[in-house]
Amino acid sequence: MMTGSIRQDEFPSPEQRMPEWGGDQVHDVASTGPDDDGDLLGVDPAELADEDLIREMHSLHRTRLDTLRHASDSALAHHLRRTAELETEYLARHPGREVDPSRLRDE
């Protein structure tokens, strides 16, 4: 049985583990071309219709845990980049998105 707390620095975030990620910055939209391994990263999110953008985000979120736990470092880095690209595009399109009051925390 584990007692005591787990130190935060014992488990780096995926962004800290992925040198390809480069932190919180979203790569240039041109990054949707081939990556360092020559793999295509997907359609430019700005070119996707709203329902296609939502479908792509659903797909990434559905596979998130499996990718985090079992994918190679390069696959996880790709997943992180693509998620950031799609979510950034969504937020750019919906800056006044409706916030569900039940999702707010008391401050």
PDB file of N, CA and C in Angstrom:
ATOM      1  N   MET A   1       0.845  -1.176   0.000  1.00  0.00           N
ATOM      2  CA  MET A   1       0.000   0.000   0.000  1.00  0.00           C
ATOM      3  C   MET A   1       0.889   1.237   0.000  1.00  0.00           C
ATOM      4  N   MET A   2       0.535   2.201  -0.832  1.00  0.00           N
ATOM      5  CA  MET A   2       1.319   3.430  -0.905  1.00  0.00           C
ATOM      6  C   MET A   2       0.840   4.404   0.152  1.00  0.00           C
ATOM      7  N   THR A   3       1.779   4.963   0.857  1.00  0.00           N
ATOM      8  CA  THR A   3       1.441   6.034   1.776  1.00  0.00           C
ATOM      9  C   THR A   3       2.272   7.233   1.377  1.00  0.00           C
ATOM     10  N   GLY A   4       1.835   8.381   1.771  1.00  0.00           N
ATOM     11  CA  GLY A   4       2.556   9.591   1.396  1.00  0.00           C
ATOM     12  C   GLY A   4       2.069  10.098   0.052  1.00  0.00           C
ATOM     13  N   SER A   5       2.536  11.261  -0.308  1.00  0.00           N
ATOM     14  CA  SER A   5       2.076  11.852  -1.556  1.00  0.00           C
ATOM     15  C   SER A   5       3.064  11.569  -2.680  1.00  0.00           C
ATOM     16  N   ILE A   6       2.559  11.644  -3.883  1.00  0.00           N
ATOM     17  CA  ILE A   6       3.397  11.485  -5.064  1.00  0.00           C
ATOM     18  C   ILE A   6       3.883  12.863  -5.464  1.00  0.00           C
ATOM     19  N   ARG A   7       5.166  12.988  -5.639  1.00  0.00           N
ATOM     20  CA  ARG A   7       5.716  14.274  -6.036  1.00  0.00           C
ATOM     21  C   ARG A   7       5.353  14.563  -7.489  1.00  0.00           C
ATOM     22  N   GLN A   8       4.977  15.803  -7.764  1.00  0.00           N
ATOM     23  CA  GLN A   8       4.575  16.229  -9.100  1.00  0.00           C
ATOM     24  C   GLN A   8       5.668  15.964 -10.137  1.00  0.00           C
ATOM     25  N   ASP A   9       6.937  16.178  -9.767  1.00  0.00           N
ATOM     26  CA  ASP A   9       8.013  16.052 -10.747  1.00  0.00           C
ATOM     27  C   ASP A   9       8.376  14.598 -11.055  1.00  0.00           C
ATOM     28  N   GLU A  10       7.772  13.638 -10.357  1.00  0.00           N
ATOM     29  CA  GLU A  10       8.036  12.235 -10.646  1.00  0.00           C
ATOM     30  C   GLU A  10       7.349  11.798 -11.935  1.00  0.00           C
ATOM     31  N   PHE A  11       6.280  12.460 -12.299  1.00  0.00           N
ATOM     32  CA  PHE A  11       5.500  12.106 -13.472  1.00  0.00           C
ATOM     33  C   PHE A  11       5.342  13.329 -14.357  1.00  0.00           C
ATOM     34  N   PRO A  12       6.278  13.539 -15.272  1.00  0.00           N
ATOM     35  CA  PRO A  12       6.176  14.722 -16.135  1.00  0.00           C
ATOM     36  C   PRO A  12       4.951  14.650 -17.029  1.00  0.00           C
ATOM     37  N   SER A  13       4.448  15.808 -17.400  1.00  0.00           N
ATOM     38  CA  SER A  13       3.297  15.859 -18.295  1.00  0.00           C
ATOM     39  C   SER A  13       3.705  15.335 -19.674  1.00  0.00           C
ATOM     40  N   PRO A  14       2.726  14.949 -20.495  1.00  0.00           N
ATOM     41  CA  PRO A  14       3.067  14.496 -21.845  1.00  0.00           C
ATOM     42  C   PRO A  14       3.846  15.553 -22.620  1.00  0.00           C
ATOM     43  N   GLU A  15       3.494  16.822 -22.419  1.00  0.00           N
ATOM     44  CA  GLU A  15       4.188  17.893 -23.118  1.00  0.00           C
ATOM     45  C   GLU A  15       5.660  17.957 -22.716  1.00  0.00           C
ATOM     46  N   GLN A  16       5.955  17.684 -21.440  1.00  0.00           N
ATOM     47  CA  GLN A  16       7.337  17.696 -20.975  1.00  0.00           C
ATOM     48  C   GLN A  16       8.111  16.494 -21.508  1.00  0.00           C
ATOM     49  N   ARG A  17       7.419  15.376 -21.721  1.00  0.00           N
ATOM     50  CA  ARG A  17       8.071  14.172 -22.212  1.00  0.00           C
ATOM     51  C   ARG A  17       8.286  14.208 -23.716  1.00  0.00           C
ATOM     52  N   MET A  18       7.515  15.004 -24.434  1.00  0.00           N
ATOM     53  CA  MET A  18       7.549  15.000 -25.884  1.00  0.00           C
ATOM     54  C   MET A  18       8.367  16.168 -26.408  1.00  0.00           C
ATOM     55  N   PRO A  19       9.606  15.947 -26.793  1.00  0.00           N
ATOM     56  CA  PRO A  19      10.401  17.055 -27.314  1.00  0.00           C
ATOM     57  C   PRO A  19       9.797  17.635 -28.588  1.00  0.00           C
ATOM     58  N   GLU A  20       9.037  16.839 -29.338  1.00  0.00           N
ATOM     59  CA  GLU A  20       8.429  17.331 -30.571  1.00  0.00           C
ATOM     60  C   GLU A  20       7.284  18.293 -30.287  1.00  0.00           C
ATOM     61  N   TRP A  21       6.723  18.214 -29.079  1.00  0.00           N
ATOM     62  CA  TRP A  21       5.528  18.998 -28.757  1.00  0.00           C
ATOM     63  C   TRP A  21       5.840  20.472 -28.679  1.00  0.00           C
ATOM     64  N   GLY A  22       6.902  20.850 -27.991  1.00  0.00           N
ATOM     65  CA  GLY A  22       7.293  22.247 -27.914  1.00  0.00           C
ATOM     66  C   GLY A  22       6.452  23.068 -26.957  1.00  0.00           C
ATOM     67  N   GLY A  23       5.864  22.456 -25.957  1.00  0.00           N
ATOM     68  CA  GLY A  23       5.120  23.211 -24.953  1.00  0.00           C
ATOM     69  C   GLY A  23       3.694  23.470 -25.368  1.00  0.00           C
ATOM     70  N   ASP A  24       3.135  24.563 -24.869  1.00  0.00           N
ATOM     71  CA  ASP A  24       1.733  24.871 -25.099  1.00  0.00           C
ATOM     72  C   ASP A  24       1.471  25.538 -26.434  1.00  0.00           C
ATOM     73  N   GLN A  25       2.500  25.892 -27.140  1.00  0.00           N
ATOM     74  CA  GLN A  25       2.269  26.583 -28.398  1.00  0.00           C
ATOM     75  C   GLN A  25       1.724  25.632 -29.451  1.00  0.00           C
ATOM     76  N   VAL A  26       0.806  26.121 -30.243  1.00  0.00           N
ATOM     77  CA  VAL A  26       0.263  25.339 -31.338  1.00  0.00           C
ATOM     78  C   VAL A  26       1.171  25.584 -32.531  1.00  0.00           C
ATOM     79  N   HIS A  27       1.552  24.501 -33.197  1.00  0.00           N
ATOM     80  CA  HIS A  27       2.410  24.644 -34.359  1.00  0.00           C
ATOM     81  C   HIS A  27       1.661  25.371 -35.458  1.00  0.00           C
ATOM     82  N   ASP A  28       2.390  25.997 -36.338  1.00  0.00           N
ATOM     83  CA  ASP A  28       1.840  26.688 -37.490  1.00  0.00           C
ATOM     84  C   ASP A  28       0.876  25.755 -38.211  1.00  0.00           C
ATOM     85  N   VAL A  29      -0.206  26.310 -38.736  1.00  0.00           N
ATOM     86  CA  VAL A  29      -1.196  25.496 -39.427  1.00  0.00           C
ATOM     87  C   VAL A  29      -0.554  24.739 -40.581  1.00  0.00           C
ATOM     88  N   ALA A  30       0.553  25.228 -41.107  1.00  0.00           N
ATOM     89  CA  ALA A  30       1.250  24.509 -42.166  1.00  0.00           C
ATOM     90  C   ALA A  30       1.776  23.168 -41.675  1.00  0.00           C
ATOM     91  N   SER A  31       1.775  22.950 -40.362  1.00  0.00           N
ATOM     92  CA  SER A  31       2.253  21.683 -39.806  1.00  0.00           C
ATOM     93  C   SER A  31       1.332  20.527 -40.144  1.00  0.00           C
ATOM     94  N   THR A  32       0.207  20.810 -40.801  1.00  0.00           N
ATOM     95  CA  THR A  32      -0.677  19.724 -41.183  1.00  0.00           C
ATOM     96  C   THR A  32      -0.147  18.982 -42.396  1.00  0.00           C
ATOM     97  N   GLY A  33       1.002  19.393 -42.895  1.00  0.00           N
ATOM     98  CA  GLY A  33       1.690  18.638 -43.941  1.00  0.00           C
ATOM     99  C   GLY A  33       2.396  17.468 -43.294  1.00  0.00           C
ATOM    100  N   PRO A  34       3.368  16.875 -43.981  1.00  0.00           N
ATOM    101  CA  PRO A  34       4.085  15.735 -43.406  1.00  0.00           C
ATOM    102  C   PRO A  34       4.852  16.133 -42.155  1.00  0.00           C
ATOM    103  N   ASP A  35       4.887  15.231 -41.167  1.00  0.00           N
ATOM    104  CA  ASP A  35       5.686  15.485 -39.971  1.00  0.00           C
ATOM    105  C   ASP A  35       7.110  15.013 -40.215  1.00  0.00           C
ATOM    106  N   ASP A  36       7.914  14.962 -39.167  1.00  0.00           N
ATOM    107  CA  ASP A  36       9.318  14.575 -39.298  1.00  0.00           C
ATOM    108  C   ASP A  36       9.489  13.168 -39.852  1.00  0.00           C
ATOM    109  N   ASP A  37       8.490  12.313 -39.639  1.00  0.00           N
ATOM    110  CA  ASP A  37       8.572  10.938 -40.130  1.00  0.00           C
ATOM    111  C   ASP A  37       7.945  10.777 -41.509  1.00  0.00           C
ATOM    112  N   GLY A  38       7.465  11.883 -42.102  1.00  0.00           N
ATOM    113  CA  GLY A  38       6.837  11.815 -43.413  1.00  0.00           C
ATOM    114  C   GLY A  38       5.362  11.457 -43.365  1.00  0.00           C
ATOM    115  N   ASP A  39       4.790  11.327 -42.151  1.00  0.00           N
ATOM    116  CA  ASP A  39       3.373  11.003 -42.020  1.00  0.00           C
ATOM    117  C   ASP A  39       2.543  12.272 -42.146  1.00  0.00           C
ATOM    118  N   LEU A  40       1.393  12.161 -42.814  1.00  0.00           N
ATOM    119  CA  LEU A  40       0.505  13.311 -42.917  1.00  0.00           C
ATOM    120  C   LEU A  40      -0.178  13.549 -41.590  1.00  0.00           C
ATOM    121  N   LEU A  41      -0.312  14.807 -41.222  1.00  0.00           N
ATOM    122  CA  LEU A  41      -0.918  15.145 -39.938  1.00  0.00           C
ATOM    123  C   LEU A  41      -2.408  15.410 -40.047  1.00  0.00           C
ATOM    124  N   GLY A  42      -2.952  15.495 -41.237  1.00  0.00           N
ATOM    125  CA  GLY A  42      -4.380  15.697 -41.381  1.00  0.00           C
ATOM    126  C   GLY A  42      -4.710  16.968 -42.127  1.00  0.00           C
ATOM    127  N   VAL A  43      -5.994  17.142 -42.374  1.00  0.00           N
ATOM    128  CA  VAL A  43      -6.498  18.310 -43.082  1.00  0.00           C
ATOM    129  C   VAL A  43      -6.356  19.527 -42.187  1.00  0.00           C
ATOM    130  N   ASP A  44      -5.996  20.644 -42.783  1.00  0.00           N
ATOM    131  CA  ASP A  44      -5.919  21.910 -42.060  1.00  0.00           C
ATOM    132  C   ASP A  44      -7.269  22.147 -41.375  1.00  0.00           C
ATOM    133  N   PRO A  45      -7.284  22.314 -40.054  1.00  0.00           N
ATOM    134  CA  PRO A  45      -8.557  22.497 -39.348  1.00  0.00           C
ATOM    135  C   PRO A  45      -9.389  23.669 -39.876  1.00  0.00           C
ATOM    136  N   ALA A  46      -8.741  24.705 -40.382  1.00  0.00           N
ATOM    137  CA  ALA A  46      -9.474  25.859 -40.917  1.00  0.00           C
ATOM    138  C   ALA A  46     -10.288  25.482 -42.154  1.00  0.00           C
ATOM    139  N   GLU A  47      -9.913  24.397 -42.820  1.00  0.00           N
ATOM    140  CA  GLU A  47     -10.618  23.957 -44.022  1.00  0.00           C
ATOM    141  C   GLU A  47     -11.783  23.024 -43.716  1.00  0.00           C
ATOM    142  N   LEU A  48     -11.926  22.606 -42.480  1.00  0.00           N
ATOM    143  CA  LEU A  48     -12.994  21.679 -42.101  1.00  0.00           C
ATOM    144  C   LEU A  48     -14.301  22.423 -41.849  1.00  0.00           C
ATOM    145  N   ALA A  49     -15.404  21.841 -42.291  1.00  0.00           N
ATOM    146  CA  ALA A  49     -16.719  22.356 -41.929  1.00  0.00           C
ATOM    147  C   ALA A  49     -16.914  22.124 -40.426  1.00  0.00           C
ATOM    148  N   ASP A  50     -17.833  22.865 -39.810  1.00  0.00           N
ATOM    149  CA  ASP A  50     -18.050  22.736 -38.360  1.00  0.00           C
ATOM    150  C   ASP A  50     -18.317  21.291 -37.942  1.00  0.00           C
ATOM    151  N   GLU A  51     -19.189  20.587 -38.661  1.00  0.00           N
ATOM    152  CA  GLU A  51     -19.506  19.214 -38.242  1.00  0.00           C
ATOM    153  C   GLU A  51     -18.309  18.282 -38.425  1.00  0.00           C
ATOM    154  N   ASP A  52     -17.467  18.543 -39.414  1.00  0.00           N
ATOM    155  CA  ASP A  52     -16.252  17.736 -39.585  1.00  0.00           C
ATOM    156  C   ASP A  52     -15.249  18.017 -38.471  1.00  0.00           C
ATOM    157  N   LEU A  53     -15.141  19.277 -38.084  1.00  0.00           N
ATOM    158  CA  LEU A  53     -14.258  19.659 -36.979  1.00  0.00           C
ATOM    159  C   LEU A  53     -14.689  18.958 -35.691  1.00  0.00           C
ATOM    160  N   ILE A  54     -15.975  18.989 -35.401  1.00  0.00           N
ATOM    161  CA  ILE A  54     -16.512  18.319 -34.207  1.00  0.00           C
ATOM    162  C   ILE A  54     -16.264  16.812 -34.285  1.00  0.00           C
ATOM    163  N   ARG A  55     -16.493  16.213 -35.445  1.00  0.00           N
ATOM    164  CA  ARG A  55     -16.272  14.770 -35.618  1.00  0.00           C
ATOM    165  C   ARG A  55     -14.817  14.403 -35.360  1.00  0.00           C
ATOM    166  N   GLU A  56     -13.890  15.211 -35.878  1.00  0.00           N
ATOM    167  CA  GLU A  56     -12.461  14.959 -35.661  1.00  0.00           C
ATOM    168  C   GLU A  56     -12.106  15.072 -34.174  1.00  0.00           C
ATOM    169  N   MET A  57     -12.664  16.076 -33.490  1.00  0.00           N
ATOM    170  CA  MET A  57     -12.395  16.221 -32.053  1.00  0.00           C
ATOM    171  C   MET A  57     -12.969  15.043 -31.275  1.00  0.00           C
ATOM    172  N   HIS A  58     -14.168  14.599 -31.635  1.00  0.00           N
ATOM    173  CA  HIS A  58     -14.752  13.415 -30.981  1.00  0.00           C
ATOM    174  C   HIS A  58     -13.832  12.216 -31.135  1.00  0.00           C
ATOM    175  N   SER A  59     -13.325  12.024 -32.331  1.00  0.00           N
ATOM    176  CA  SER A  59     -12.451  10.884 -32.590  1.00  0.00           C
ATOM    177  C   SER A  59     -11.201  10.935 -31.725  1.00  0.00           C
ATOM    178  N   LEU A  60     -10.573  12.101 -31.641  1.00  0.00           N
ATOM    179  CA  LEU A  60      -9.368  12.237 -30.823  1.00  0.00           C
ATOM    180  C   LEU A  60      -9.653  12.022 -29.339  1.00  0.00           C
ATOM    181  N   HIS A  61     -10.751  12.568 -28.862  1.00  0.00           N
ATOM    182  CA  HIS A  61     -11.077  12.412 -27.442  1.00  0.00           C
ATOM    183  C   HIS A  61     -11.463  10.978 -27.114  1.00  0.00           C
ATOM    184  N   ARG A  62     -12.087  10.298 -28.053  1.00  0.00           N
ATOM    185  CA  ARG A  62     -12.473   8.894 -27.850  1.00  0.00           C
ATOM    186  C   ARG A  62     -11.233   8.006 -27.698  1.00  0.00           C
ATOM    187  N   THR A  63     -10.161   8.349 -28.389  1.00  0.00           N
ATOM    188  CA  THR A  63      -8.949   7.530 -28.360  1.00  0.00           C
ATOM    189  C   THR A  63      -7.884   8.064 -27.407  1.00  0.00           C
ATOM    190  N   ARG A  64      -8.184   9.128 -26.681  1.00  0.00           N
ATOM    191  CA  ARG A  64      -7.196   9.819 -25.852  1.00  0.00           C
ATOM    192  C   ARG A  64      -6.505   8.913 -24.836  1.00  0.00           C
ATOM    193  N   LEU A  65      -7.253   8.218 -24.007  1.00  0.00           N
ATOM    194  CA  LEU A  65      -6.661   7.415 -22.947  1.00  0.00           C
ATOM    195  C   LEU A  65      -5.808   6.279 -23.515  1.00  0.00           C
ATOM    196  N   ASP A  66      -6.322   5.622 -24.531  1.00  0.00           N
ATOM    197  CA  ASP A  66      -5.557   4.536 -25.141  1.00  0.00           C
ATOM    198  C   ASP A  66      -4.249   5.062 -25.735  1.00  0.00           C
ATOM    199  N   THR A  67      -4.299   6.211 -26.382  1.00  0.00           N
ATOM    200  CA  THR A  67      -3.089   6.808 -26.955  1.00  0.00           C
ATOM    201  C   THR A  67      -2.116   7.196 -25.851  1.00  0.00           C
ATOM    202  N   LEU A  68      -2.608   7.808 -24.805  1.00  0.00           N
ATOM    203  CA  LEU A  68      -1.754   8.221 -23.691  1.00  0.00           C
ATOM    204  C   LEU A  68      -1.078   7.019 -23.040  1.00  0.00           C
ATOM    205  N   ARG A  69      -1.817   5.944 -22.855  1.00  0.00           N
ATOM    206  CA  ARG A  69      -1.281   4.791 -22.142  1.00  0.00           C
ATOM    207  C   ARG A  69      -0.436   3.858 -22.997  1.00  0.00           C
ATOM    208  N   HIS A  70      -0.756   3.738 -24.286  1.00  0.00           N
ATOM    209  CA  HIS A  70      -0.151   2.651 -25.038  1.00  0.00           C
ATOM    210  C   HIS A  70       0.559   3.034 -26.335  1.00  0.00           C
ATOM    211  N   ALA A  71       0.414   4.259 -26.797  1.00  0.00           N
ATOM    212  CA  ALA A  71       1.007   4.637 -28.082  1.00  0.00           C
ATOM    213  C   ALA A  71       2.488   4.985 -27.917  1.00  0.00           C
ATOM    214  N   SER A  72       3.194   4.959 -29.025  1.00  0.00           N
ATOM    215  CA  SER A  72       4.601   5.365 -29.016  1.00  0.00           C
ATOM    216  C   SER A  72       4.693   6.865 -28.717  1.00  0.00           C
ATOM    217  N   ASP A  73       5.881   7.303 -28.343  1.00  0.00           N
ATOM    218  CA  ASP A  73       6.073   8.726 -28.064  1.00  0.00           C
ATOM    219  C   ASP A  73       5.732   9.584 -29.275  1.00  0.00           C
ATOM    220  N   SER A  74       6.107   9.142 -30.473  1.00  0.00           N
ATOM    221  CA  SER A  74       5.811   9.951 -31.661  1.00  0.00           C
ATOM    222  C   SER A  74       4.307   9.984 -31.933  1.00  0.00           C
ATOM    223  N   ALA A  75       3.603   8.878 -31.698  1.00  0.00           N
ATOM    224  CA  ALA A  75       2.151   8.861 -31.881  1.00  0.00           C
ATOM    225  C   ALA A  75       1.470   9.765 -30.863  1.00  0.00           C
ATOM    226  N   LEU A  76       1.948   9.757 -29.630  1.00  0.00           N
ATOM    227  CA  LEU A  76       1.377  10.641 -28.614  1.00  0.00           C
ATOM    228  C   LEU A  76       1.652  12.095 -28.961  1.00  0.00           C
ATOM    229  N   ALA A  77       2.848  12.397 -29.426  1.00  0.00           N
ATOM    230  CA  ALA A  77       3.173  13.775 -29.827  1.00  0.00           C
ATOM    231  C   ALA A  77       2.261  14.228 -30.966  1.00  0.00           C
ATOM    232  N   HIS A  78       2.035  13.353 -31.935  1.00  0.00           N
ATOM    233  CA  HIS A  78       1.120  13.666 -33.049  1.00  0.00           C
ATOM    234  C   HIS A  78      -0.286  13.917 -32.513  1.00  0.00           C
ATOM    235  N   HIS A  79      -0.743  13.062 -31.608  1.00  0.00           N
ATOM    236  CA  HIS A  79      -2.072  13.191 -31.014  1.00  0.00           C
ATOM    237  C   HIS A  79      -2.207  14.541 -30.297  1.00  0.00           C
ATOM    238  N   LEU A  80      -1.185  14.917 -29.517  1.00  0.00           N
ATOM    239  CA  LEU A  80      -1.211  16.192 -28.799  1.00  0.00           C
ATOM    240  C   LEU A  80      -1.256  17.374 -29.769  1.00  0.00           C
ATOM    241  N   ARG A  81      -0.431  17.315 -30.815  1.00  0.00           N
ATOM    242  CA  ARG A  81      -0.416  18.411 -31.810  1.00  0.00           C
ATOM    243  C   ARG A  81      -1.754  18.539 -32.500  1.00  0.00           C
ATOM    244  N   ARG A  82      -2.297  17.411 -32.936  1.00  0.00           N
ATOM    245  CA  ARG A  82      -3.562  17.453 -33.675  1.00  0.00           C
ATOM    246  C   ARG A  82      -4.701  17.923 -32.782  1.00  0.00           C
ATOM    247  N   THR A  83      -4.735  17.458 -31.558  1.00  0.00           N
ATOM    248  CA  THR A  83      -5.764  17.910 -30.622  1.00  0.00           C
ATOM    249  C   THR A  83      -5.672  19.417 -30.418  1.00  0.00           C
ATOM    250  N   ALA A  84      -4.472  19.933 -30.219  1.00  0.00           N
ATOM    251  CA  ALA A  84      -4.284  21.377 -30.033  1.00  0.00           C
ATOM    252  C   ALA A  84      -4.726  22.151 -31.269  1.00  0.00           C
ATOM    253  N   GLU A  85      -4.393  21.655 -32.450  1.00  0.00           N
ATOM    254  CA  GLU A  85      -4.788  22.342 -33.687  1.00  0.00           C
ATOM    255  C   GLU A  85      -6.311  22.408 -33.817  1.00  0.00           C
ATOM    256  N   LEU A  86      -6.973  21.275 -33.599  1.00  0.00           N
ATOM    257  CA  LEU A  86      -8.431  21.225 -33.750  1.00  0.00           C
ATOM    258  C   LEU A  86      -9.138  22.055 -32.680  1.00  0.00           C
ATOM    259  N   GLU A  87      -8.689  21.946 -31.428  1.00  0.00           N
ATOM    260  CA  GLU A  87      -9.339  22.696 -30.357  1.00  0.00           C
ATOM    261  C   GLU A  87      -9.095  24.196 -30.500  1.00  0.00           C
ATOM    262  N   THR A  88      -7.916  24.583 -30.961  1.00  0.00           N
ATOM    263  CA  THR A  88      -7.635  25.999 -31.194  1.00  0.00           C
ATOM    264  C   THR A  88      -8.551  26.548 -32.285  1.00  0.00           C
ATOM    265  N   GLU A  89      -8.757  25.784 -33.334  1.00  0.00           N
ATOM    266  CA  GLU A  89      -9.673  26.204 -34.408  1.00  0.00           C
ATOM    267  C   GLU A  89     -11.095  26.310 -33.880  1.00  0.00           C
ATOM    268  N   TYR A  90     -11.518  25.352 -33.069  1.00  0.00           N
ATOM    269  CA  TYR A  90     -12.871  25.399 -32.502  1.00  0.00           C
ATOM    270  C   TYR A  90     -13.055  26.663 -31.665  1.00  0.00           C
ATOM    271  N   LEU A  91     -12.078  26.957 -30.807  1.00  0.00           N
ATOM    272  CA  LEU A  91     -12.181  28.139 -29.950  1.00  0.00           C
ATOM    273  C   LEU A  91     -12.139  29.433 -30.762  1.00  0.00           C
ATOM    274  N   ALA A  92     -11.399  29.443 -31.857  1.00  0.00           N
ATOM    275  CA  ALA A  92     -11.368  30.624 -32.729  1.00  0.00           C
ATOM    276  C   ALA A  92     -12.736  30.848 -33.376  1.00  0.00           C
ATOM    277  N   ARG A  93     -13.410  29.765 -33.714  1.00  0.00           N
ATOM    278  CA  ARG A  93     -14.742  29.875 -34.334  1.00  0.00           C
ATOM    279  C   ARG A  93     -15.837  30.189 -33.328  1.00  0.00           C
ATOM    280  N   HIS A  94     -15.636  29.792 -32.086  1.00  0.00           N
ATOM    281  CA  HIS A  94     -16.681  29.940 -31.059  1.00  0.00           C
ATOM    282  C   HIS A  94     -16.139  30.637 -29.815  1.00  0.00           C
ATOM    283  N   PRO A  95     -15.685  31.882 -29.951  1.00  0.00           N
ATOM    284  CA  PRO A  95     -15.097  32.560 -28.780  1.00  0.00           C
ATOM    285  C   PRO A  95     -16.128  32.833 -27.684  1.00  0.00           C
ATOM    286  N   GLY A  96     -17.389  32.936 -28.043  1.00  0.00           N
ATOM    287  CA  GLY A  96     -18.445  33.181 -27.062  1.00  0.00           C
ATOM    288  C   GLY A  96     -19.215  31.926 -26.740  1.00  0.00           C
ATOM    289  N   ARG A  97     -18.524  30.781 -26.759  1.00  0.00           N
ATOM    290  CA  ARG A  97     -19.197  29.505 -26.534  1.00  0.00           C
ATOM    291  C   ARG A  97     -19.997  29.540 -25.241  1.00  0.00           C
ATOM    292  N   GLU A  98     -21.095  28.808 -25.238  1.00  0.00           N
ATOM    293  CA  GLU A  98     -21.965  28.766 -24.064  1.00  0.00           C
ATOM    294  C   GLU A  98     -21.311  27.908 -22.985  1.00  0.00           C
ATOM    295  N   VAL A  99     -21.209  28.462 -21.799  1.00  0.00           N
ATOM    296  CA  VAL A  99     -20.625  27.734 -20.664  1.00  0.00           C
ATOM    297  C   VAL A  99     -21.766  27.224 -19.789  1.00  0.00           C
ATOM    298  N   ASP A 100     -21.759  25.951 -19.505  1.00  0.00           N
ATOM    299  CA  ASP A 100     -22.782  25.319 -18.670  1.00  0.00           C
ATOM    300  C   ASP A 100     -22.516  25.707 -17.215  1.00  0.00           C
ATOM    301  N   PRO A 101     -23.445  26.411 -16.560  1.00  0.00           N
ATOM    302  CA  PRO A 101     -23.229  26.823 -15.168  1.00  0.00           C
ATOM    303  C   PRO A 101     -22.958  25.655 -14.217  1.00  0.00           C
ATOM    304  N   SER A 102     -23.464  24.474 -14.533  1.00  0.00           N
ATOM    305  CA  SER A 102     -23.220  23.328 -13.651  1.00  0.00           C
ATOM    306  C   SER A 102     -21.772  22.853 -13.730  1.00  0.00           C
ATOM    307  N   ARG A 103     -21.017  23.346 -14.726  1.00  0.00           N
ATOM    308  CA  ARG A 103     -19.610  22.966 -14.866  1.00  0.00           C
ATOM    309  C   ARG A 103     -18.667  23.945 -14.159  1.00  0.00           C
ATOM    310  N   LEU A 104     -19.214  24.984 -13.560  1.00  0.00           N
ATOM    311  CA  LEU A 104     -18.396  25.982 -12.884  1.00  0.00           C
ATOM    312  C   LEU A 104     -18.154  25.595 -11.439  1.00  0.00           C
ATOM    313  N   ARG A 105     -17.006  25.992 -10.940  1.00  0.00           N
ATOM    314  CA  ARG A 105     -16.665  25.747  -9.533  1.00  0.00           C
ATOM    315  C   ARG A 105     -16.849  27.030  -8.754  1.00  0.00           C
ATOM    316  N   ASP A 106     -17.230  26.877  -7.496  1.00  0.00           N
ATOM    317  CA  ASP A 106     -17.283  28.035  -6.608  1.00  0.00           C
ATOM    318  C   ASP A 106     -15.866  28.502  -6.347  1.00  0.00           C
ATOM    319  N   GLU A 107     -15.667  29.793  -6.391  1.00  0.00           N
ATOM    320  CA  GLU A 107     -14.304  30.317  -6.134  1.00  0.00           C
ATOM    321  C   GLU A 107     -14.173  30.851  -4.750  1.00  0.00           C
TER     322      GLU A 107
END
